[in-house]
Structures are given as structure tokens and as C-alpha cells.
Amino acid sequence: MQKRRILTGITTSGTPHLGNYVGAIRPAIAASRRDEAESFYFLADYHALIKCSDPERVRTSTLEIAASWLACGLDPEQVFFYRQSDIPEIPELTWLLTCVTAKGLLNRAHAYKAAVDQNLAANEDPDAGVTAGLYMYPVLMAADILAFNAHEVPVGRDQIQHIEMARDIGQRFNHLYAAELAHRGVCFTLPEARIEENVATLPGLDGRKMSKSYNNTIPLWLRPKELEKAILGIVTDSRAPGEPKDADASNIFAIYQAFADAQETAAMREAFAAGIGWGDAKRKLYQRIEAELAPLRERYDALFARPDRIEELLLAGAGKARARARPFVEALRWAAGIRRLTDGATAAAAAPSAGAALPQIKSYRENDGKFYFKLAGADGAVLLQSRAFDSPKEAGRLAAALVDAGDDRVASAELLIEATPPDGVTLHADAIAQALAALKADKLAKG
């Protein structure tokens, strides 16, 4: 069974902080170790240019972020870990997608609308200070995702719209070039946003969400004395030692809980109820964070001092990622008509009406009174034989659902188990995926 592809991008415009570690780095690395997942992590340096015009900041941030993820346990041998700008297929795909993306869709993007609203409130021109990069950000993000046909993209709720836009753009391309895509046996998998409800969001120094935008962060790799000083600066209320304190309303407790195990958390909750002083609570918080980060900091320092080694790992990761993206984007280029003059005729040459053979799903009834269907390739070879069904409706439902799944093997896995004998899909898995992709694209072409 094909693994579920999960893609995460990290913009290289800032220094990692504790909120990044708890909310993104730590859970993503844990998820990358799941057997059923195929994980893609990329440093989004093209995205960084939208909001950062300091070249040295982008370079340094790239080094800091790469070293941070590696120090925290990301294994580049087990995942795809690469720099966005090392994948030339991504900007090429961005242009292919740009040419099918409605301007009205981009007009509705939250970031662009917020910038326009801010300008209007200040009696400025609506587009004052708005770059084409900001406006086109959703298309570049769609290319990041669609280049690898990611199934899931872990995002915060403020990013859900971008995943929905990526789906809209991919669906439009699938529909517009359906016949050509069917001819090449490819199409875009439409991604889903994955909201991590159980991932902690840390409060910052002032109690608001820890964010560079609020300038209230605690950098991840502070030296021990600097870390202790930063934690001592967290805002608290005026309750004195000995007065009971509400742990659930405390920034100190919220951060502590994100690092502590259940037993430590319970003990700290009891200490709050018993009236622990804020100074003591902050010292316990510092000790708990330092215990977790100290060994990671040592690895980070060693990695940060070897940018040549990190560069080597990123380029190796890019090579692995390009091996996936390159043939796929080449097929998309062909579908859009960007091809050699000797590659054959027009879009009509790929359409069924021009005589191009397509795979087929054939339903029939056997002498035993049962109903069956089989999937045959364009050459007529039988790729899949269904089990027996008591009704034609049930056989037809599963056959149609397989076509709708296309080459998304994760989506079709349960359907195949339900529709076929136990040994019905093992030998021809790749051919089945290609045939279903072609049938799905042909269905989209016919509306």
C-alpha cells in the first residue's frame, strides 16, 4: 500500500523559538517516524522573500532552521528534507498553475484582503505596498503541495484557506487538461488540511500567542543563563507566595505543561494550588525546559558550525525530491502543450474521440447469478478482477468509487480490499493506479 504523503513547509525568515519547537518541530518529527507516512519537509526560502528583503537574514534563517530540525531528530534518510529553491520544478509548476488560476480566487485570499483593508482604513491606494509576491503566494504554495501530490498538509486554522485554494487550482488543471492527463496517466491529488487540535500553542512573554509578530518570543537556542533570564521576564499577576494560583489561567503553567510529562504536570498543578511563588514556578519551568533542550542544543551547535554539512544534506534531499517531481512536472508540461514538435499532435490526439485507447471497467453477470466487474488496461490486459456481488448496484458503486479515487492509492486501498479477492491487486498495483488515474481524468473531461 502506498504511504500517505504529508508535506510541511517552514519559512526561512526568522529564528526558531519555543513556540515553533512545541507547536511544529517536535510533533512533526514524531509524525515522520510513523510507518504509514511519507514525510516531506522543506525550507520555504522563496516564500521568505515575500516578507523579508534582507538577504543575510534569509541565509542565516535557512541555516538556523535546518540545523534546528536536524538537531531535534529529523532523519534526512527517512524523509524528504530539502530547500524549496533547489527544486526548479516548483517555480515552473507555479507558472503552469498561474495560467489556470482565476484572479477572483486570489482576490479573496486572506493576506491580500487584509493588506487592502489596512490601506483603505488609512485612506491609501488599495494596493499600496502590496507586491505581486504577496498576491501570488497561494499559487506558489499550491505548487509546493501539488508537485508531490501531497495527501495532507498540517496547518493552523489561519492557513486552511490556502489548502482549499490549492485544491481549487489543482481541480481546475485536472479538468482543463483532463484528456491529456489521461493520456499520460497522471492527475493532481487534491490535498487536505490537517488541523492538529492537540498540538500546544505556547503563550509568549506577554501572555499572547508566542509569535515574532508580537515580539514576545523566547528563542529556542538561548544559552542557559539567557534562557533563565527570558523565563524570569514572563508576565504574571500580583498574587504573592502562599496564595493559591489558578494553573489553567497561568502562562507559566501552560509552557511547563508543554514540556512536562503527566506526573510532573500533576505535581506542578498541586504546587500552584498550594501557593507556589512566581519566582519558584519560573525556576522550575527553566529547569524543565533546560533538561529537554540541553542535549539538543549541543547537537545544534555542532550542526550550525558545519554549514557545509547541512548544505550537503539539503542538496541530497533535493535530489531525492526532484526524482519525484521531475517526471511528474514533465507530464504536466506535456499536458499543457509545452512539448517537442515531434511529440505528437494536439490535445485531440490524447482524447478518446481521436482514437486513443483508454482503460475500461466492465461490469457483467456470470452463470452463477452473481455480478462482477474487471479493470482492463488500454491494451486490453486484465489488471483487476472483482469478487462476486449479490447486486449490480453494489458492484457499480465500488467500481465508480475506484475511478473517483484515481491514482490515490491511500484513498482506494480500502475500496480495493472491499471490492476484490485478497490477492486481487498485488501484481499490478502500479498499472492499476495509472489506469484509474486515466479513467478519472477522462471522467473529468466529460464533465
Protein backbone atom coordinates (compact mmCIF):
# COMPACT_ATOMS: atom_id res chain seq x y z
CA MET A 1 0.00 0.00 0.00
CA GLN A 2 1.30 3.45 -0.89
CA LYS A 3 2.15 5.60 2.10
CA ARG A 4 0.20 8.76 2.86
CA ARG A 5 2.23 11.78 1.77
CA ILE A 6 2.41 14.59 4.36
CA LEU A 7 4.08 17.89 3.46
CA THR A 8 5.28 20.69 5.77
CA GLY A 9 6.96 23.97 4.79
CA ILE A 10 9.00 26.23 7.10
CA THR A 11 9.52 29.83 6.01
CA THR A 12 13.14 30.94 6.40
CA SER A 13 12.64 34.48 7.64
CA GLY A 14 13.17 34.19 11.40
CA THR A 15 14.87 32.43 14.30
CA PRO A 16 13.15 29.34 15.75
CA HIS A 17 11.55 29.89 19.16
CA LEU A 18 9.98 27.69 21.84
CA GLY A 19 6.55 28.02 20.23
CA ASN A 20 7.92 26.67 16.93
CA TYR A 21 9.54 23.77 18.76
CA VAL A 22 6.42 22.74 20.70
CA GLY A 23 3.86 23.55 18.02
CA ALA A 24 5.62 22.40 14.85
CA ILE A 25 9.07 20.85 15.10
CA ARG A 26 8.55 18.28 17.86
CA PRO A 27 5.16 16.92 16.68
CA ALA A 28 6.21 16.88 13.02
CA ILE A 29 9.35 14.88 13.75
CA ALA A 30 7.31 12.42 15.81
CA ALA A 31 4.85 12.07 12.91
CA SER A 32 7.70 11.47 10.44
CA ARG A 33 8.52 8.22 12.25
CA ARG A 34 5.13 6.65 11.54
CA ASP A 35 5.39 3.69 9.19
CA GLU A 36 2.30 4.67 7.23
CA ALA A 37 3.56 8.20 6.45
CA GLU A 38 5.87 9.55 3.78
CA SER A 39 7.00 12.95 5.01
CA PHE A 40 8.20 15.99 3.05
CA TYR A 41 9.82 18.90 4.92
CA PHE A 42 11.09 21.89 3.00
CA LEU A 43 12.72 25.22 3.78
CA ALA A 44 10.49 27.77 2.08
CA ASP A 45 13.10 30.35 1.07
CA TYR A 46 11.07 31.62 -1.91
CA HIS A 47 8.21 32.31 0.48
CA ALA A 48 10.60 34.18 2.77
CA LEU A 49 11.24 36.77 0.04
CA ILE A 50 7.61 37.89 0.29
CA LYS A 51 8.13 39.40 3.72
CA CYS A 52 11.91 39.67 4.12
CA SER A 53 14.17 41.76 1.87
CA ASP A 54 17.33 41.14 3.91
CA PRO A 55 19.42 38.53 2.03
CA GLU A 56 21.61 37.75 5.04
CA ARG A 57 18.53 37.21 7.22
CA VAL A 58 17.18 34.65 4.72
CA ARG A 59 20.52 32.84 4.53
CA THR A 60 21.04 32.78 8.29
CA SER A 61 17.47 31.72 8.95
CA THR A 62 17.86 28.85 6.48
CA LEU A 63 20.92 27.64 8.40
CA GLU A 64 19.25 28.10 11.80
CA ILE A 65 16.06 26.29 10.81
CA ALA A 66 17.81 23.42 9.04
CA ALA A 67 20.17 22.91 12.00
CA SER A 68 17.20 23.07 14.41
CA TRP A 69 15.17 20.36 12.68
CA LEU A 70 18.18 18.09 12.35
CA ALA A 71 19.25 18.66 15.96
CA CYS A 72 15.75 17.81 17.16
CA GLY A 73 15.87 14.42 15.47
CA LEU A 74 14.73 14.76 11.86
CA ASP A 75 16.33 11.92 9.90
CA PRO A 76 17.04 13.03 6.30
CA GLU A 77 17.47 9.39 5.31
CA GLN A 78 13.87 8.63 6.26
CA VAL A 79 12.14 11.77 4.95
CA PHE A 80 12.37 14.24 2.07
CA PHE A 81 14.22 17.25 3.54
CA TYR A 82 15.05 19.93 1.00
CA ARG A 83 15.26 23.63 0.24
CA GLN A 84 12.43 24.97 -1.91
CA SER A 85 14.76 26.89 -4.23
CA ASP A 86 16.69 23.70 -5.07
CA ILE A 87 13.59 22.27 -6.82
CA PRO A 88 13.29 24.13 -10.18
CA GLU A 89 10.13 22.17 -10.93
CA ILE A 90 8.32 24.20 -8.24
CA PRO A 91 8.59 27.63 -9.91
CA GLU A 92 7.86 26.01 -13.27
CA LEU A 93 4.73 24.42 -11.87
CA THR A 94 3.84 27.76 -10.27
CA TRP A 95 3.62 29.28 -13.75
CA LEU A 96 1.55 26.39 -15.13
CA LEU A 97 -0.85 26.83 -12.23
CA THR A 98 -0.84 30.62 -12.50
CA CYS A 99 -2.22 30.30 -16.02
CA VAL A 100 -5.28 28.37 -14.83
CA THR A 101 -5.89 30.29 -11.58
CA ALA A 102 -8.74 32.79 -11.54
CA LYS A 103 -7.81 36.29 -10.42
CA GLY A 104 -11.02 36.37 -8.42
CA LEU A 105 -9.78 33.43 -6.36
CA LEU A 106 -6.59 35.30 -5.46
CA ASN A 107 -8.59 38.46 -4.67
CA ARG A 108 -10.25 36.52 -1.85
CA ALA A 109 -7.00 35.40 -0.17
CA HIS A 110 -6.96 36.49 3.47
CA ALA A 111 -3.47 38.04 3.43
CA TYR A 112 -4.19 40.13 0.36
CA LYS A 113 -7.59 41.23 1.62
CA ALA A 114 -6.09 42.21 4.98
CA ALA A 115 -3.46 44.36 3.26
CA VAL A 116 -6.12 46.05 1.12
CA ASP A 117 -8.39 46.66 4.11
CA GLN A 118 -5.50 48.17 6.05
CA ASN A 119 -4.73 50.53 3.17
CA LEU A 120 -8.35 51.59 2.81
CA ALA A 121 -8.58 52.28 6.54
CA ALA A 122 -5.56 54.58 6.19
CA ASN A 123 -7.05 56.31 3.10
CA GLU A 124 -4.29 54.86 0.94
CA ASP A 125 -4.46 53.31 -2.51
CA PRO A 126 -5.88 49.78 -2.02
CA ASP A 127 -2.74 48.13 -3.38
CA ALA A 128 -0.17 50.42 -1.78
CA GLY A 129 2.82 48.33 -0.72
CA VAL A 130 1.27 45.10 -1.99
CA THR A 131 3.74 43.10 -4.06
CA ALA A 132 2.90 40.56 -6.73
CA GLY A 133 4.68 38.06 -4.45
CA LEU A 134 2.14 38.58 -1.68
CA TYR A 135 -0.70 38.39 -4.19
CA MET A 136 0.62 35.20 -5.82
CA TYR A 137 1.61 33.49 -2.56
CA PRO A 138 -1.31 30.99 -2.72
CA VAL A 139 -0.22 29.77 -6.18
CA LEU A 140 3.37 29.16 -5.06
CA MET A 141 2.04 27.32 -2.01
CA ALA A 142 -0.22 25.24 -4.28
CA ALA A 143 2.82 24.32 -6.40
CA ASP A 144 4.75 23.26 -3.27
CA ILE A 145 1.94 20.88 -2.40
CA LEU A 146 0.83 19.65 -5.81
CA ALA A 147 4.36 18.98 -7.12
CA PHE A 148 4.47 15.99 -4.77
CA ASN A 149 0.75 15.16 -4.78
CA ALA A 150 0.62 15.52 -1.00
CA HIS A 151 -2.39 13.98 0.68
CA GLU A 152 -2.16 16.05 3.87
CA VAL A 153 -0.73 19.42 4.87
CA PRO A 154 -0.59 20.12 8.63
CA VAL A 155 -1.60 23.76 9.10
CA GLY A 156 -3.06 26.17 11.61
CA ARG A 157 -6.62 27.31 11.13
CA ASP A 158 -5.43 30.56 9.54
CA GLN A 159 -3.89 28.54 6.70
CA ILE A 160 -6.90 26.37 5.82
CA GLN A 161 -7.90 28.74 3.02
CA HIS A 162 -4.57 28.18 1.25
CA ILE A 163 -5.13 24.42 1.18
CA GLU A 164 -8.64 24.95 -0.17
CA MET A 165 -7.20 27.20 -2.87
CA ALA A 166 -4.62 24.55 -3.75
CA ARG A 167 -7.47 22.08 -4.18
CA ASP A 168 -9.38 24.52 -6.40
CA ILE A 169 -6.32 25.19 -8.57
CA GLY A 170 -5.44 21.50 -8.89
CA GLN A 171 -9.03 20.61 -9.73
CA ARG A 172 -9.11 23.31 -12.42
CA PHE A 173 -5.94 21.95 -14.04
CA ASN A 174 -7.28 18.39 -13.84
CA HIS A 175 -10.46 19.48 -15.59
CA LEU A 176 -8.90 21.75 -18.23
CA TYR A 177 -6.31 19.21 -19.37
CA ALA A 178 -8.21 16.05 -18.50
CA ALA A 179 -7.77 14.29 -21.85
CA GLU A 180 -4.05 14.98 -21.99
CA LEU A 181 -3.55 13.96 -18.37
CA ALA A 182 -5.44 10.74 -19.06
CA HIS A 183 -3.12 10.05 -21.96
CA ARG A 184 -0.11 10.34 -19.64
CA GLY A 185 -1.81 8.51 -16.77
CA VAL A 186 -1.40 11.35 -14.25
CA CYS A 187 -3.52 13.91 -12.43
CA PHE A 188 -3.25 16.04 -9.30
CA THR A 189 -4.16 14.52 -5.97
CA LEU A 190 -6.27 17.10 -4.14
CA PRO A 191 -4.73 17.81 -0.70
CA GLU A 192 -6.47 18.00 2.64
CA ALA A 193 -5.68 20.35 5.52
CA ARG A 194 -4.79 18.54 8.74
CA ILE A 195 -5.54 20.59 11.82
CA GLU A 196 -3.51 19.48 14.82
CA GLU A 197 -6.05 20.16 17.57
CA ASN A 198 -3.91 18.55 20.27
CA VAL A 199 -0.70 20.46 19.48
CA ALA A 200 0.12 23.03 22.12
CA THR A 201 0.13 26.75 21.34
CA LEU A 202 2.52 28.45 23.73
CA PRO A 203 1.86 31.85 25.26
CA GLY A 204 4.69 34.35 24.86
CA LEU A 205 6.33 36.68 27.35
CA ASP A 206 3.24 38.92 27.48
CA GLY A 207 0.62 36.16 27.56
CA ARG A 208 -0.40 36.44 23.91
CA LYS A 209 0.43 33.63 21.47
CA MET A 210 4.20 33.33 21.13
CA SER A 211 4.91 34.94 17.77
CA LYS A 212 7.55 37.01 16.03
CA SER A 213 4.72 39.37 15.05
CA TYR A 214 4.20 40.26 18.73
CA ASN A 215 7.93 40.34 19.55
CA ASN A 216 7.19 38.15 22.56
CA THR A 217 9.16 35.01 21.73
CA ILE A 218 11.75 33.01 23.64
CA PRO A 219 14.38 31.91 21.08
CA LEU A 220 14.90 28.16 21.04
CA TRP A 221 18.67 28.05 21.39
CA LEU A 222 19.42 30.66 24.05
CA ARG A 223 22.36 29.91 26.32
CA PRO A 224 21.25 28.63 29.78
CA LYS A 225 21.67 31.97 31.57
CA GLU A 226 19.90 33.83 28.76
CA LEU A 227 17.08 31.28 28.77
CA GLU A 228 16.64 31.66 32.53
CA LYS A 229 16.59 35.45 32.19
CA ALA A 230 13.95 35.27 29.44
CA ILE A 231 11.74 32.98 31.53
CA LEU A 232 12.05 35.28 34.56
CA GLY A 233 10.65 38.02 32.30
CA ILE A 234 7.34 36.25 31.66
CA VAL A 235 4.43 38.42 32.82
CA THR A 236 2.49 37.13 35.85
CA ASP A 237 -0.19 38.54 38.16
CA SER A 238 0.38 40.09 41.60
CA ARG A 239 -0.54 37.13 43.80
CA ALA A 240 2.07 36.59 46.50
CA PRO A 241 3.75 33.38 47.64
CA GLY A 242 1.33 31.33 49.71
CA GLU A 243 -1.74 32.49 47.76
CA PRO A 244 -3.37 29.71 45.69
CA LYS A 245 -2.95 30.23 41.95
CA ASP A 246 -5.10 29.07 39.03
CA ALA A 247 -2.85 26.82 36.96
CA ASP A 248 -5.19 26.86 33.95
CA ALA A 249 -5.01 30.66 33.77
CA SER A 250 -1.22 30.82 34.09
CA ASN A 251 1.25 31.37 31.24
CA ILE A 252 3.93 29.71 33.35
CA PHE A 253 1.88 26.56 33.78
CA ALA A 254 0.87 26.45 30.09
CA ILE A 255 4.50 26.46 28.98
CA TYR A 256 5.54 23.98 31.70
CA GLN A 257 2.79 21.56 30.68
CA ALA A 258 4.06 21.56 27.08
CA PHE A 259 7.40 20.16 28.25
CA ALA A 260 6.48 18.04 31.28
CA ASP A 261 5.09 14.53 31.48
CA ALA A 262 1.79 13.75 33.19
CA GLN A 263 3.34 13.14 36.61
CA GLU A 264 5.36 16.37 36.52
CA THR A 265 2.33 18.32 35.33
CA ALA A 266 0.20 16.97 38.18
CA ALA A 267 2.88 17.90 40.72
CA MET A 268 3.12 21.43 39.35
CA ARG A 269 -0.66 21.80 39.45
CA GLU A 270 -0.59 20.86 43.14
CA ALA A 271 2.18 23.39 43.74
CA PHE A 272 0.05 26.12 42.16
CA ALA A 273 -2.91 25.19 44.36
CA ALA A 274 -0.57 25.33 47.40
CA GLY A 275 0.54 28.85 46.52
CA ILE A 276 3.97 28.44 44.93
CA GLY A 277 5.70 31.77 44.42
CA TRP A 278 6.10 33.05 40.87
CA GLY A 279 9.88 33.11 41.19
CA ASP A 280 9.96 29.44 42.21
CA ALA A 281 7.50 28.50 39.46
CA LYS A 282 9.68 30.23 36.87
CA ARG A 283 12.79 28.45 38.14
CA LYS A 284 11.03 25.07 37.87
CA LEU A 285 9.95 26.00 34.35
CA TYR A 286 13.51 26.91 33.41
CA GLN A 287 14.88 23.66 34.84
CA ARG A 288 12.33 21.57 32.95
CA ILE A 289 12.95 23.27 29.61
CA GLU A 290 16.72 23.21 30.05
CA ALA A 291 16.63 19.48 30.82
CA GLU A 292 15.00 18.82 27.44
CA LEU A 293 16.89 21.33 25.34
CA ALA A 294 20.44 20.95 26.69
CA PRO A 295 21.35 17.80 24.70
CA LEU A 296 19.58 19.16 21.62
CA ARG A 297 21.45 22.47 21.94
CA GLU A 298 24.76 20.62 21.88
CA ARG A 299 23.79 18.93 18.62
CA TYR A 300 22.50 22.23 17.22
CA ASP A 301 25.79 23.99 17.96
CA ALA A 302 27.74 21.25 16.18
CA LEU A 303 25.45 21.42 13.13
CA PHE A 304 25.38 25.21 12.99
CA ALA A 305 29.17 25.23 12.91
CA ARG A 306 29.10 22.99 9.81
CA PRO A 307 27.05 24.78 7.14
CA ASP A 308 28.89 22.71 4.53
CA ARG A 309 27.46 19.53 6.04
CA ILE A 310 23.93 20.95 6.15
CA GLU A 311 24.30 22.11 2.54
CA GLU A 312 25.31 18.59 1.58
CA LEU A 313 22.23 17.12 3.29
CA LEU A 314 19.88 19.66 1.69
CA LEU A 315 21.26 19.02 -1.79
CA ALA A 316 20.95 15.27 -1.29
CA GLY A 317 17.37 15.79 -0.15
CA ALA A 318 16.68 17.97 -3.19
CA GLY A 319 18.00 15.24 -5.47
CA LYS A 320 15.66 12.73 -3.87
CA ALA A 321 12.71 15.14 -4.10
CA ARG A 322 13.44 16.06 -7.72
CA ALA A 323 13.41 12.39 -8.67
CA ARG A 324 9.74 12.51 -7.67
CA ALA A 325 8.83 15.94 -9.02
CA ARG A 326 10.68 15.98 -12.34
CA PRO A 327 8.82 13.22 -14.27
CA PHE A 328 5.50 14.40 -12.89
CA VAL A 329 6.01 18.05 -13.90
CA GLU A 330 7.31 16.92 -17.30
CA ALA A 331 4.00 15.10 -17.80
CA LEU A 332 2.11 18.24 -16.75
CA ARG A 333 4.14 20.35 -19.19
CA TRP A 334 3.27 17.90 -21.95
CA ALA A 335 -0.39 18.02 -20.97
CA ALA A 336 -0.38 21.83 -21.22
CA GLY A 337 1.20 21.71 -24.70
CA ILE A 338 4.80 22.54 -23.69
CA ARG A 339 6.39 19.74 -25.68
CA ARG A 340 8.65 18.98 -28.63
CA LEU A 341 7.11 19.34 -32.08
CA THR A 342 7.87 15.69 -32.68
CA ASP A 343 5.95 14.61 -29.59
CA GLY A 344 2.69 14.35 -31.42
CA ALA A 345 -0.33 16.30 -32.21
CA THR A 346 -2.67 18.40 -30.22
CA ALA A 347 -4.82 17.80 -27.23
CA ALA A 348 -7.23 16.00 -29.52
CA ALA A 349 -4.60 13.30 -30.09
CA ALA A 350 -4.98 12.29 -26.46
CA ALA A 351 -8.76 12.37 -26.43
CA PRO A 352 -10.83 9.22 -26.84
CA SER A 353 -12.55 10.74 -29.88
CA ALA A 354 -9.23 10.75 -31.69
CA GLY A 355 -8.94 7.02 -31.21
CA ALA A 356 -6.61 6.89 -28.23
CA ALA A 357 -7.30 3.77 -26.20
CA LEU A 358 -8.38 4.11 -22.59
CA PRO A 359 -8.54 1.58 -19.79
CA GLN A 360 -12.00 0.16 -19.21
CA ILE A 361 -14.09 -1.08 -16.32
CA LYS A 362 -16.52 -3.72 -17.49
CA SER A 363 -19.45 -4.97 -15.41
CA TYR A 364 -21.12 -8.31 -16.12
CA ARG A 365 -23.16 -11.18 -14.69
CA GLU A 366 -21.83 -14.73 -14.54
CA ASN A 367 -23.70 -18.01 -14.79
CA ASP A 368 -23.65 -18.26 -11.00
CA GLY A 369 -26.07 -15.34 -10.90
CA LYS A 370 -23.51 -13.06 -9.24
CA PHE A 371 -22.30 -9.69 -10.51
CA TYR A 372 -18.67 -8.79 -11.20
CA PHE A 373 -16.50 -6.07 -12.71
CA LYS A 374 -12.98 -6.07 -14.07
CA LEU A 375 -10.47 -3.35 -14.87
CA ALA A 376 -8.62 -3.74 -18.16
CA GLY A 377 -5.69 -1.62 -19.30
CA ALA A 378 -5.59 0.30 -22.57
CA ASP A 379 -4.03 -2.79 -24.17
CA GLY A 380 -6.90 -4.99 -23.00
CA ALA A 381 -4.91 -6.81 -20.33
CA VAL A 382 -6.98 -7.55 -17.22
CA LEU A 383 -5.46 -5.71 -14.25
CA LEU A 384 -8.12 -6.27 -11.64
CA GLN A 385 -10.87 -8.84 -11.20
CA SER A 386 -13.53 -8.11 -8.60
CA ARG A 387 -15.10 -10.56 -6.21
CA ALA A 388 -18.72 -11.65 -6.62
CA PHE A 389 -21.54 -9.26 -5.64
CA ASP A 390 -25.17 -10.06 -4.98
CA SER A 391 -26.42 -6.93 -6.73
CA PRO A 392 -25.27 -4.89 -9.76
CA LYS A 393 -25.77 -1.73 -7.73
CA GLU A 394 -23.10 -2.71 -5.20
CA ALA A 395 -20.63 -3.72 -7.91
CA GLY A 396 -21.26 -0.45 -9.76
CA ARG A 397 -20.86 1.64 -6.61
CA LEU A 398 -17.43 0.26 -5.85
CA ALA A 399 -16.27 0.48 -9.46
CA ALA A 400 -17.33 4.15 -9.62
CA ALA A 401 -15.67 4.90 -6.28
CA LEU A 402 -12.37 3.45 -7.55
CA VAL A 403 -12.49 5.73 -10.58
CA ASP A 404 -13.15 8.72 -8.33
CA ALA A 405 -10.13 7.76 -6.21
CA GLY A 406 -7.90 7.76 -9.30
CA ASP A 407 -4.24 7.06 -8.56
CA ASP A 408 -4.60 7.99 -4.88
CA ARG A 409 -3.72 4.59 -3.52
CA VAL A 410 -4.46 5.58 0.06
CA ALA A 411 -7.99 6.62 -0.89
CA SER A 412 -8.51 3.48 -2.97
CA ALA A 413 -6.88 0.99 -0.57
CA GLU A 414 -10.00 0.25 1.47
CA LEU A 415 -12.12 0.17 -1.68
CA LEU A 416 -9.81 -2.41 -3.23
CA ILE A 417 -9.97 -4.56 -0.10
CA GLU A 418 -13.76 -4.36 -0.18
CA ALA A 419 -14.11 -4.94 -3.92
CA THR A 420 -11.58 -7.63 -4.70
CA PRO A 421 -10.34 -11.02 -3.54
CA PRO A 422 -7.37 -10.91 -1.12
CA ASP A 423 -4.86 -11.46 -3.94
CA GLY A 424 -6.60 -9.27 -6.48
CA VAL A 425 -4.30 -6.23 -6.56
CA THR A 426 -0.82 -7.36 -5.63
CA LEU A 427 0.77 -7.99 -9.01
CA HIS A 428 -0.46 -4.95 -10.92
CA ALA A 429 -0.58 -2.17 -8.31
CA ASP A 430 1.27 0.43 -10.42
CA ALA A 431 -0.68 -0.37 -13.58
CA ILE A 432 -3.96 -0.23 -11.65
CA ALA A 433 -3.10 3.22 -10.27
CA GLN A 434 -2.23 4.53 -13.75
CA ALA A 435 -5.39 3.06 -15.27
CA LEU A 436 -7.61 4.55 -12.56
CA ALA A 437 -5.90 7.95 -12.99
CA ALA A 438 -6.62 7.84 -16.72
CA LEU A 439 -10.27 6.93 -16.14
CA LYS A 440 -10.66 9.69 -13.56
CA ALA A 441 -9.14 12.28 -15.89
CA ASP A 442 -11.43 11.13 -18.72
CA LYS A 443 -14.44 11.42 -16.41
CA LEU A 444 -13.46 14.99 -15.50
CA ALA A 445 -13.05 15.85 -19.20
CA LYS A 446 -16.59 14.72 -19.90
CA GLY A 447 -17.94 16.81 -17.00
